[in-house]
Amino acid sequence: MPVPVMDGPALVVNERWYLVHALPKSEVKARFHLQAQGFRVFLPQIQKTIRHARQLRTVCSPLFPRYLFVCLDLSRDRWLSVRSTVGVASLFTHQDGRPAPVPVGIVEALLDRTEGNFVRLDSELTPGQRVRLLSGPMTDLVGRVERLDDSGRVRILLGLMGAEIPVSVYRSTVAPAA
């Protein structure tokens, strides 16, 4: 059963987002235990296809493996308990030991791109832009956007075997390539 990405209203006066470093493969566990303590948590996730033993499987995966965000008001919340939460490795802090806030706008931009439980990375695609396929049999291949259409599909030119091969996929299965 899917868990909501974030609960509650927008940030209030002294609240800020902070970065939590989770134990390996424990992002969901850390989110669960932080939410059980009453913290608001955001774990950005994407859908991606993995290949194993000649089988393709679409899975829910963290956008930033081992990282999630927690909303804190340092004057009100017991933020020291975050570090000892099950699944949490550490809370990013300054040299004086106080948590270091995430710059304003970063988490908010990710939240704006969230649909359901997943972050959509395809919202600002333009023709000519380089993109990476996130799912399907050609996962992780990089191509160039040729055309976008109103039905939610994008035509990509993939460089394969010395030629550009046109492929039509859903917009949600691509992300801008670096």
N, C-alpha and C. Protein backbone atom coordinates (compact mmCIF):
# COMPACT_ATOMS: atom_id res chain seq x y z
N MET A 1 0.84 -1.17 0.00
CA MET A 1 0.00 0.00 0.00
C MET A 1 0.89 1.24 0.00
N PRO A 2 0.67 2.19 -0.95
CA PRO A 2 1.52 3.36 -1.01
C PRO A 2 1.34 4.26 0.20
N VAL A 3 2.43 4.84 0.64
CA VAL A 3 2.43 5.76 1.77
C VAL A 3 2.50 7.17 1.22
N PRO A 4 1.71 8.12 1.76
CA PRO A 4 1.78 9.48 1.24
C PRO A 4 3.20 10.02 1.35
N VAL A 5 3.60 10.82 0.37
CA VAL A 5 4.95 11.36 0.33
C VAL A 5 5.17 12.32 1.48
N MET A 6 4.23 13.21 1.73
CA MET A 6 4.37 14.17 2.80
C MET A 6 2.99 14.50 3.31
N ASP A 7 2.87 14.69 4.60
CA ASP A 7 1.57 15.04 5.15
C ASP A 7 1.63 16.42 5.75
N GLY A 8 0.47 17.04 5.90
CA GLY A 8 0.39 18.32 6.59
C GLY A 8 0.48 19.51 5.65
N PRO A 9 0.23 20.70 6.22
CA PRO A 9 0.23 21.92 5.42
C PRO A 9 1.64 22.41 5.09
N ALA A 10 1.70 23.57 4.48
CA ALA A 10 2.99 24.19 4.13
C ALA A 10 3.76 24.54 5.40
N LEU A 11 5.03 24.87 5.22
CA LEU A 11 5.89 25.20 6.35
C LEU A 11 5.38 26.45 7.07
N VAL A 12 5.52 26.46 8.39
CA VAL A 12 5.17 27.64 9.17
C VAL A 12 6.43 28.43 9.48
N VAL A 13 6.31 29.48 10.27
CA VAL A 13 7.36 30.48 10.45
C VAL A 13 8.76 29.93 10.68
N ASN A 14 9.00 29.13 11.70
CA ASN A 14 10.36 28.68 12.03
C ASN A 14 10.73 27.32 11.46
N GLU A 15 9.86 26.71 10.68
CA GLU A 15 10.15 25.38 10.15
C GLU A 15 11.06 25.48 8.92
N ARG A 16 11.93 24.51 8.80
CA ARG A 16 12.83 24.38 7.65
C ARG A 16 12.98 22.90 7.33
N TRP A 17 13.42 22.61 6.12
CA TRP A 17 13.72 21.24 5.73
C TRP A 17 15.18 20.94 6.05
N TYR A 18 15.43 19.73 6.56
CA TYR A 18 16.78 19.28 6.90
C TYR A 18 17.03 17.94 6.22
N LEU A 19 18.29 17.65 5.93
CA LEU A 19 18.67 16.44 5.22
C LEU A 19 19.04 15.33 6.19
N VAL A 20 18.42 14.18 6.00
CA VAL A 20 18.69 13.00 6.82
C VAL A 20 19.42 11.98 5.96
N HIS A 21 20.49 11.42 6.50
CA HIS A 21 21.25 10.36 5.82
C HIS A 21 20.79 9.04 6.42
N ALA A 22 20.22 8.18 5.59
CA ALA A 22 19.68 6.91 6.05
C ALA A 22 20.72 5.79 5.93
N LEU A 23 20.47 4.72 6.62
CA LEU A 23 21.29 3.52 6.48
C LEU A 23 21.03 2.93 5.09
N PRO A 24 21.94 2.11 4.57
CA PRO A 24 21.72 1.53 3.24
C PRO A 24 20.39 0.79 3.12
N LYS A 25 19.64 1.10 2.06
CA LYS A 25 18.35 0.47 1.76
C LYS A 25 17.33 0.64 2.89
N SER A 26 17.44 1.70 3.68
CA SER A 26 16.56 1.90 4.83
C SER A 26 15.78 3.21 4.76
N GLU A 27 15.65 3.80 3.58
CA GLU A 27 14.96 5.07 3.46
C GLU A 27 13.50 4.96 3.89
N VAL A 28 12.81 3.92 3.43
CA VAL A 28 11.39 3.74 3.76
C VAL A 28 11.22 3.46 5.25
N LYS A 29 12.11 2.65 5.81
CA LYS A 29 12.07 2.35 7.24
C LYS A 29 12.28 3.63 8.06
N ALA A 30 13.25 4.45 7.65
CA ALA A 30 13.52 5.70 8.36
C ALA A 30 12.31 6.63 8.25
N ARG A 31 11.70 6.71 7.06
CA ARG A 31 10.51 7.55 6.90
C ARG A 31 9.40 7.10 7.84
N PHE A 32 9.16 5.81 7.89
CA PHE A 32 8.11 5.27 8.74
C PHE A 32 8.33 5.63 10.21
N HIS A 33 9.53 5.42 10.70
CA HIS A 33 9.82 5.67 12.11
C HIS A 33 9.86 7.17 12.45
N LEU A 34 10.29 8.00 11.51
CA LEU A 34 10.25 9.44 11.74
C LEU A 34 8.80 9.94 11.77
N GLN A 35 7.97 9.43 10.87
CA GLN A 35 6.56 9.82 10.87
C GLN A 35 5.87 9.33 12.14
N ALA A 36 6.26 8.16 12.64
CA ALA A 36 5.67 7.63 13.88
C ALA A 36 6.00 8.54 15.07
N GLN A 37 7.11 9.28 14.99
CA GLN A 37 7.48 10.21 16.05
C GLN A 37 6.82 11.58 15.87
N GLY A 38 6.06 11.75 14.79
CA GLY A 38 5.35 13.00 14.56
C GLY A 38 6.05 13.98 13.64
N PHE A 39 7.16 13.59 13.03
CA PHE A 39 7.87 14.47 12.11
C PHE A 39 7.24 14.41 10.73
N ARG A 40 7.27 15.52 10.02
CA ARG A 40 6.86 15.53 8.61
C ARG A 40 8.09 15.16 7.79
N VAL A 41 7.91 14.21 6.88
CA VAL A 41 9.04 13.64 6.14
C VAL A 41 8.71 13.65 4.65
N PHE A 42 9.71 13.90 3.83
CA PHE A 42 9.57 13.83 2.37
C PHE A 42 10.67 12.93 1.82
N LEU A 43 10.26 11.84 1.18
CA LEU A 43 11.18 10.91 0.53
C LEU A 43 10.86 10.93 -0.96
N PRO A 44 11.61 11.73 -1.75
CA PRO A 44 11.33 11.78 -3.19
C PRO A 44 11.64 10.44 -3.85
N GLN A 45 10.67 9.94 -4.62
CA GLN A 45 10.82 8.64 -5.26
C GLN A 45 10.48 8.73 -6.74
N ILE A 46 11.06 7.81 -7.51
CA ILE A 46 10.76 7.68 -8.93
C ILE A 46 10.46 6.21 -9.23
N GLN A 47 9.82 5.98 -10.37
CA GLN A 47 9.63 4.60 -10.84
C GLN A 47 10.76 4.31 -11.80
N LYS A 48 11.39 3.17 -11.65
CA LYS A 48 12.42 2.79 -12.61
C LYS A 48 12.35 1.30 -12.85
N THR A 49 12.88 0.90 -14.00
CA THR A 49 12.87 -0.50 -14.39
C THR A 49 14.23 -1.11 -14.10
N ILE A 50 14.20 -2.27 -13.49
CA ILE A 50 15.45 -2.99 -13.24
C ILE A 50 15.41 -4.31 -14.00
N ARG A 51 16.58 -4.75 -14.42
CA ARG A 51 16.70 -6.02 -15.13
C ARG A 51 17.40 -7.01 -14.23
N HIS A 52 16.84 -8.20 -14.15
CA HIS A 52 17.48 -9.27 -13.39
C HIS A 52 17.04 -10.60 -13.98
N ALA A 53 17.98 -11.43 -14.31
CA ALA A 53 17.71 -12.76 -14.85
C ALA A 53 16.76 -12.70 -16.04
N ARG A 54 17.05 -11.79 -16.99
CA ARG A 54 16.27 -11.63 -18.22
C ARG A 54 14.83 -11.18 -17.97
N GLN A 55 14.57 -10.64 -16.83
CA GLN A 55 13.23 -10.15 -16.54
C GLN A 55 13.30 -8.66 -16.22
N LEU A 56 12.29 -7.93 -16.67
CA LEU A 56 12.19 -6.51 -16.37
C LEU A 56 11.12 -6.32 -15.30
N ARG A 57 11.43 -5.46 -14.34
CA ARG A 57 10.49 -5.21 -13.26
C ARG A 57 10.53 -3.72 -12.92
N THR A 58 9.36 -3.11 -12.84
CA THR A 58 9.28 -1.69 -12.47
C THR A 58 9.15 -1.60 -10.96
N VAL A 59 10.03 -0.80 -10.37
CA VAL A 59 10.05 -0.67 -8.90
C VAL A 59 10.02 0.81 -8.52
N CYS A 60 9.64 1.04 -7.29
CA CYS A 60 9.67 2.35 -6.69
C CYS A 60 11.04 2.53 -6.06
N SER A 61 11.75 3.59 -6.42
CA SER A 61 13.12 3.76 -5.96
C SER A 61 13.33 5.21 -5.49
N PRO A 62 14.14 5.42 -4.45
CA PRO A 62 14.41 6.79 -4.01
C PRO A 62 15.14 7.58 -5.10
N LEU A 63 14.75 8.83 -5.26
CA LEU A 63 15.42 9.70 -6.21
C LEU A 63 16.86 9.94 -5.78
N PHE A 64 17.07 10.09 -4.46
CA PHE A 64 18.40 10.25 -3.89
C PHE A 64 18.62 9.09 -2.92
N PRO A 65 19.24 7.99 -3.37
CA PRO A 65 19.42 6.85 -2.47
C PRO A 65 20.13 7.25 -1.18
N ARG A 66 19.59 6.78 -0.06
CA ARG A 66 20.09 7.00 1.30
C ARG A 66 19.80 8.39 1.85
N TYR A 67 18.99 9.20 1.16
CA TYR A 67 18.68 10.55 1.66
C TYR A 67 17.19 10.80 1.68
N LEU A 68 16.72 11.50 2.70
CA LEU A 68 15.35 11.97 2.79
C LEU A 68 15.35 13.28 3.54
N PHE A 69 14.23 13.97 3.52
CA PHE A 69 14.13 15.29 4.14
C PHE A 69 13.15 15.24 5.30
N VAL A 70 13.46 15.97 6.36
CA VAL A 70 12.58 16.06 7.53
C VAL A 70 12.35 17.54 7.83
N CYS A 71 11.12 17.88 8.18
CA CYS A 71 10.75 19.25 8.49
C CYS A 71 10.87 19.45 10.00
N LEU A 72 11.66 20.45 10.40
CA LEU A 72 11.90 20.70 11.83
C LEU A 72 11.81 22.18 12.16
N ASP A 73 11.36 22.45 13.36
CA ASP A 73 11.48 23.76 13.99
C ASP A 73 12.43 23.52 15.15
N LEU A 74 13.68 23.97 15.04
CA LEU A 74 14.71 23.64 16.03
C LEU A 74 14.37 24.15 17.43
N SER A 75 13.57 25.19 17.53
CA SER A 75 13.21 25.70 18.86
C SER A 75 12.07 24.90 19.48
N ARG A 76 11.34 24.14 18.69
CA ARG A 76 10.19 23.40 19.19
C ARG A 76 10.41 21.89 19.20
N ASP A 77 10.99 21.35 18.15
CA ASP A 77 11.09 19.90 17.99
C ASP A 77 12.29 19.31 18.72
N ARG A 78 12.13 18.06 19.11
CA ARG A 78 13.23 17.31 19.73
C ARG A 78 14.06 16.70 18.60
N TRP A 79 14.87 17.53 17.95
CA TRP A 79 15.59 17.10 16.76
C TRP A 79 16.71 16.12 17.06
N LEU A 80 17.18 16.05 18.30
CA LEU A 80 18.23 15.07 18.63
C LEU A 80 17.73 13.63 18.47
N SER A 81 16.42 13.45 18.61
CA SER A 81 15.86 12.09 18.47
C SER A 81 15.92 11.60 17.02
N VAL A 82 16.07 12.49 16.06
CA VAL A 82 16.15 12.08 14.65
C VAL A 82 17.37 11.19 14.45
N ARG A 83 18.48 11.55 15.08
CA ARG A 83 19.72 10.80 14.88
C ARG A 83 19.65 9.37 15.39
N SER A 84 18.80 9.12 16.40
CA SER A 84 18.71 7.77 16.97
C SER A 84 17.50 7.00 16.46
N THR A 85 16.86 7.50 15.41
CA THR A 85 15.70 6.83 14.83
C THR A 85 16.14 5.61 14.03
N VAL A 86 15.33 4.55 14.09
CA VAL A 86 15.61 3.33 13.34
C VAL A 86 15.70 3.67 11.85
N GLY A 87 16.75 3.24 11.19
CA GLY A 87 16.95 3.48 9.77
C GLY A 87 17.75 4.73 9.45
N VAL A 88 17.99 5.58 10.44
CA VAL A 88 18.72 6.83 10.22
C VAL A 88 20.18 6.65 10.60
N ALA A 89 21.08 7.08 9.71
CA ALA A 89 22.52 7.05 10.00
C ALA A 89 22.93 8.35 10.68
N SER A 90 22.45 9.49 10.13
CA SER A 90 22.81 10.78 10.72
C SER A 90 21.91 11.87 10.18
N LEU A 91 22.01 13.02 10.82
CA LEU A 91 21.35 14.24 10.39
C LEU A 91 22.47 15.20 10.00
N PHE A 92 22.39 15.81 8.82
CA PHE A 92 23.46 16.70 8.40
C PHE A 92 23.50 17.92 9.30
N THR A 93 24.70 18.20 9.85
CA THR A 93 24.85 19.27 10.82
C THR A 93 26.01 20.19 10.46
N HIS A 94 26.01 21.38 11.10
CA HIS A 94 27.14 22.29 11.02
C HIS A 94 28.23 21.76 11.94
N GLN A 95 29.38 22.43 11.96
CA GLN A 95 30.48 22.01 12.84
C GLN A 95 30.11 22.12 14.31
N ASP A 96 29.19 23.02 14.65
CA ASP A 96 28.79 23.18 16.05
C ASP A 96 27.78 22.11 16.50
N GLY A 97 27.37 21.23 15.59
CA GLY A 97 26.46 20.14 15.95
C GLY A 97 25.00 20.42 15.70
N ARG A 98 24.64 21.65 15.33
CA ARG A 98 23.24 21.97 15.03
C ARG A 98 22.94 21.59 13.58
N PRO A 99 21.72 21.13 13.31
CA PRO A 99 21.36 20.72 11.95
C PRO A 99 21.52 21.85 10.93
N ALA A 100 21.99 21.49 9.74
CA ALA A 100 22.16 22.44 8.64
C ALA A 100 20.92 22.37 7.75
N PRO A 101 20.20 23.50 7.60
CA PRO A 101 18.98 23.47 6.77
C PRO A 101 19.31 23.34 5.29
N VAL A 102 18.40 22.74 4.57
CA VAL A 102 18.49 22.65 3.11
C VAL A 102 18.14 24.04 2.58
N PRO A 103 18.87 24.55 1.58
CA PRO A 103 18.53 25.88 1.04
C PRO A 103 17.06 25.96 0.62
N VAL A 104 16.45 27.10 0.91
CA VAL A 104 15.04 27.32 0.61
C VAL A 104 14.81 27.15 -0.89
N GLY A 105 13.75 26.43 -1.24
CA GLY A 105 13.36 26.26 -2.64
C GLY A 105 13.68 24.91 -3.23
N ILE A 106 14.65 24.20 -2.68
CA ILE A 106 15.03 22.92 -3.26
C ILE A 106 13.95 21.87 -3.00
N VAL A 107 13.60 21.68 -1.75
CA VAL A 107 12.57 20.68 -1.42
C VAL A 107 11.22 21.13 -1.98
N GLU A 108 10.95 22.42 -1.93
CA GLU A 108 9.69 22.94 -2.44
C GLU A 108 9.55 22.65 -3.93
N ALA A 109 10.65 22.78 -4.70
CA ALA A 109 10.62 22.49 -6.13
C ALA A 109 10.34 21.01 -6.38
N LEU A 110 10.93 20.15 -5.55
CA LEU A 110 10.65 18.71 -5.69
C LEU A 110 9.20 18.41 -5.35
N LEU A 111 8.68 19.05 -4.32
CA LEU A 111 7.28 18.85 -3.93
C LEU A 111 6.33 19.31 -5.04
N ASP A 112 6.68 20.40 -5.72
CA ASP A 112 5.85 20.89 -6.83
C ASP A 112 5.80 19.90 -7.98
N ARG A 113 6.85 19.11 -8.15
CA ARG A 113 6.92 18.13 -9.24
C ARG A 113 6.38 16.77 -8.83
N THR A 114 5.85 16.65 -7.62
CA THR A 114 5.37 15.37 -7.13
C THR A 114 3.93 15.13 -7.54
N GLU A 115 3.69 13.96 -8.12
CA GLU A 115 2.34 13.51 -8.46
C GLU A 115 2.13 12.17 -7.79
N GLY A 116 1.17 12.10 -6.89
CA GLY A 116 0.97 10.86 -6.13
C GLY A 116 2.17 10.64 -5.24
N ASN A 117 2.85 9.53 -5.42
CA ASN A 117 4.04 9.21 -4.61
C ASN A 117 5.34 9.39 -5.36
N PHE A 118 5.27 9.94 -6.59
CA PHE A 118 6.47 9.99 -7.41
C PHE A 118 6.79 11.40 -7.88
N VAL A 119 8.08 11.70 -7.97
CA VAL A 119 8.55 12.98 -8.50
C VAL A 119 8.62 12.85 -10.01
N ARG A 120 8.00 13.79 -10.71
CA ARG A 120 8.01 13.80 -12.17
C ARG A 120 9.18 14.65 -12.63
N LEU A 121 10.10 14.07 -13.36
CA LEU A 121 11.28 14.78 -13.83
C LEU A 121 11.14 15.24 -15.27
N ASP A 122 9.98 14.98 -15.86
CA ASP A 122 9.79 15.25 -17.28
C ASP A 122 8.99 16.51 -17.56
N SER A 123 8.74 17.34 -16.57
CA SER A 123 7.82 18.46 -16.74
C SER A 123 8.35 19.56 -17.65
N GLU A 124 9.63 19.68 -17.83
CA GLU A 124 10.17 20.78 -18.63
C GLU A 124 11.01 20.29 -19.80
N LEU A 125 10.56 19.24 -20.47
CA LEU A 125 11.29 18.72 -21.62
C LEU A 125 11.10 19.64 -22.82
N THR A 126 12.16 19.78 -23.61
CA THR A 126 12.11 20.58 -24.82
C THR A 126 12.77 19.82 -25.96
N PRO A 127 12.33 20.06 -27.21
CA PRO A 127 12.97 19.40 -28.34
C PRO A 127 14.47 19.72 -28.40
N GLY A 128 15.27 18.70 -28.67
CA GLY A 128 16.71 18.85 -28.73
C GLY A 128 17.42 18.53 -27.42
N GLN A 129 16.67 18.42 -26.35
CA GLN A 129 17.26 18.15 -25.03
C GLN A 129 17.68 16.69 -24.91
N ARG A 130 18.80 16.45 -24.22
CA ARG A 130 19.27 15.07 -23.99
C ARG A 130 18.51 14.50 -22.80
N VAL A 131 18.01 13.27 -22.95
CA VAL A 131 17.25 12.61 -21.89
C VAL A 131 17.72 11.17 -21.70
N ARG A 132 17.46 10.65 -20.52
CA ARG A 132 17.81 9.27 -20.18
C ARG A 132 16.50 8.50 -19.96
N LEU A 133 16.42 7.30 -20.52
CA LEU A 133 15.25 6.45 -20.32
C LEU A 133 15.32 5.82 -18.93
N LEU A 134 14.22 5.90 -18.18
CA LEU A 134 14.18 5.39 -16.81
C LEU A 134 13.56 4.00 -16.71
N SER A 135 12.83 3.58 -17.73
CA SER A 135 12.21 2.27 -17.66
C SER A 135 12.08 1.67 -19.05
N GLY A 136 11.72 0.40 -19.07
CA GLY A 136 11.58 -0.31 -20.33
C GLY A 136 12.83 -1.08 -20.68
N PRO A 137 12.82 -1.75 -21.82
CA PRO A 137 13.95 -2.59 -22.21
C PRO A 137 15.21 -1.78 -22.56
N MET A 138 15.08 -0.47 -22.77
CA MET A 138 16.24 0.36 -23.11
C MET A 138 16.61 1.28 -21.95
N THR A 139 16.37 0.85 -20.73
CA THR A 139 16.67 1.63 -19.54
C THR A 139 18.12 2.11 -19.54
N ASP A 140 18.33 3.35 -19.15
CA ASP A 140 19.63 4.01 -19.01
C ASP A 140 20.25 4.45 -20.32
N LEU A 141 19.60 4.21 -21.46
CA LEU A 141 20.12 4.74 -22.71
C LEU A 141 19.81 6.23 -22.79
N VAL A 142 20.70 6.99 -23.42
CA VAL A 142 20.53 8.43 -23.54
C VAL A 142 20.22 8.77 -25.00
N GLY A 143 19.25 9.65 -25.17
CA GLY A 143 18.86 10.08 -26.51
C GLY A 143 18.55 11.56 -26.52
N ARG A 144 18.03 12.00 -27.66
CA ARG A 144 17.70 13.41 -27.85
C ARG A 144 16.21 13.52 -28.18
N VAL A 145 15.52 14.45 -27.51
CA VAL A 145 14.09 14.65 -27.74
C VAL A 145 13.88 15.21 -29.14
N GLU A 146 13.06 14.53 -29.92
CA GLU A 146 12.74 15.03 -31.26
C GLU A 146 11.41 15.77 -31.25
N ARG A 147 10.41 15.19 -30.55
CA ARG A 147 9.08 15.78 -30.60
C ARG A 147 8.30 15.40 -29.34
N LEU A 148 7.47 16.33 -28.86
CA LEU A 148 6.55 16.10 -27.75
C LEU A 148 5.14 16.18 -28.30
N ASP A 149 4.24 15.35 -27.78
CA ASP A 149 2.85 15.46 -28.24
C ASP A 149 1.91 15.65 -27.06
N ASP A 150 0.66 15.97 -27.36
CA ASP A 150 -0.33 16.27 -26.31
C ASP A 150 -0.84 15.04 -25.59
N SER A 151 -0.58 13.85 -26.12
CA SER A 151 -1.08 12.63 -25.48
C SER A 151 -0.13 12.11 -24.40
N GLY A 152 0.91 12.86 -24.08
CA GLY A 152 1.82 12.46 -23.02
C GLY A 152 2.99 11.60 -23.49
N ARG A 153 3.18 11.55 -24.79
CA ARG A 153 4.30 10.76 -25.32
C ARG A 153 5.37 11.69 -25.85
N VAL A 154 6.58 11.15 -25.94
CA VAL A 154 7.72 11.90 -26.46
C VAL A 154 8.46 11.00 -27.45
N ARG A 155 8.89 11.59 -28.54
CA ARG A 155 9.66 10.83 -29.53
C ARG A 155 11.13 11.17 -29.31
N ILE A 156 11.93 10.13 -29.12
CA ILE A 156 13.35 10.28 -28.80
C ILE A 156 14.17 9.63 -29.90
N LEU A 157 15.29 10.25 -30.23
CA LEU A 157 16.23 9.66 -31.17
C LEU A 157 17.38 9.06 -30.37
N LEU A 158 17.50 7.73 -30.41
CA LEU A 158 18.56 7.03 -29.70
C LEU A 158 19.69 6.70 -30.66
N GLY A 159 20.91 6.96 -30.26
CA GLY A 159 22.06 6.62 -31.08
C GLY A 159 22.44 5.16 -30.85
N LEU A 160 22.05 4.30 -31.79
CA LEU A 160 22.34 2.86 -31.69
C LEU A 160 23.00 2.39 -32.97
N MET A 161 24.09 1.68 -32.85
CA MET A 161 24.78 1.06 -33.97
C MET A 161 25.07 2.04 -35.10
N GLY A 162 25.48 3.26 -34.75
CA GLY A 162 25.86 4.24 -35.75
C GLY A 162 24.72 4.96 -36.42
N ALA A 163 23.49 4.77 -35.95
CA ALA A 163 22.34 5.45 -36.55
C ALA A 163 21.45 5.99 -35.44
N GLU A 164 20.62 6.96 -35.78
CA GLU A 164 19.65 7.48 -34.82
C GLU A 164 18.33 6.76 -35.04
N ILE A 165 17.91 6.03 -34.02
CA ILE A 165 16.68 5.23 -34.09
C ILE A 165 15.59 5.98 -33.34
N PRO A 166 14.43 6.27 -34.00
CA PRO A 166 13.35 6.95 -33.30
C PRO A 166 12.58 5.97 -32.39
N VAL A 167 12.30 6.41 -31.17
CA VAL A 167 11.56 5.61 -30.20
C VAL A 167 10.51 6.52 -29.58
N SER A 168 9.29 6.02 -29.45
CA SER A 168 8.21 6.79 -28.83
C SER A 168 7.90 6.18 -27.46
N VAL A 169 7.99 6.99 -26.40
CA VAL A 169 7.76 6.51 -25.03
C VAL A 169 6.91 7.53 -24.28
N TYR A 170 6.37 7.11 -23.14
CA TYR A 170 5.63 8.03 -22.28
C TYR A 170 6.59 9.02 -21.63
N ARG A 171 6.15 10.25 -21.45
CA ARG A 171 7.00 11.30 -20.87
C ARG A 171 7.49 10.92 -19.48
N SER A 172 6.70 10.18 -18.73
CA SER A 172 7.07 9.83 -17.36
C SER A 172 8.22 8.83 -17.30
N THR A 173 8.60 8.26 -18.43
CA THR A 173 9.68 7.27 -18.43
C THR A 173 11.03 7.87 -18.81
N VAL A 174 11.10 9.20 -18.93
CA VAL A 174 12.36 9.86 -19.26
C VAL A 174 12.67 10.96 -18.25
N ALA A 175 13.95 11.27 -18.14
CA ALA A 175 14.42 12.35 -17.27
C ALA A 175 15.55 13.06 -17.98
N PRO A 176 15.72 14.35 -17.72
CA PRO A 176 16.84 15.06 -18.34
C PRO A 176 18.17 14.38 -18.00
N ALA A 177 19.02 14.26 -18.99
CA ALA A 177 20.35 13.64 -18.80
C ALA A 177 21.36 14.73 -18.49
N ALA A 178 22.35 14.37 -17.70
CA ALA A 178 23.40 15.34 -17.35
C ALA A 178 24.41 15.46 -18.45
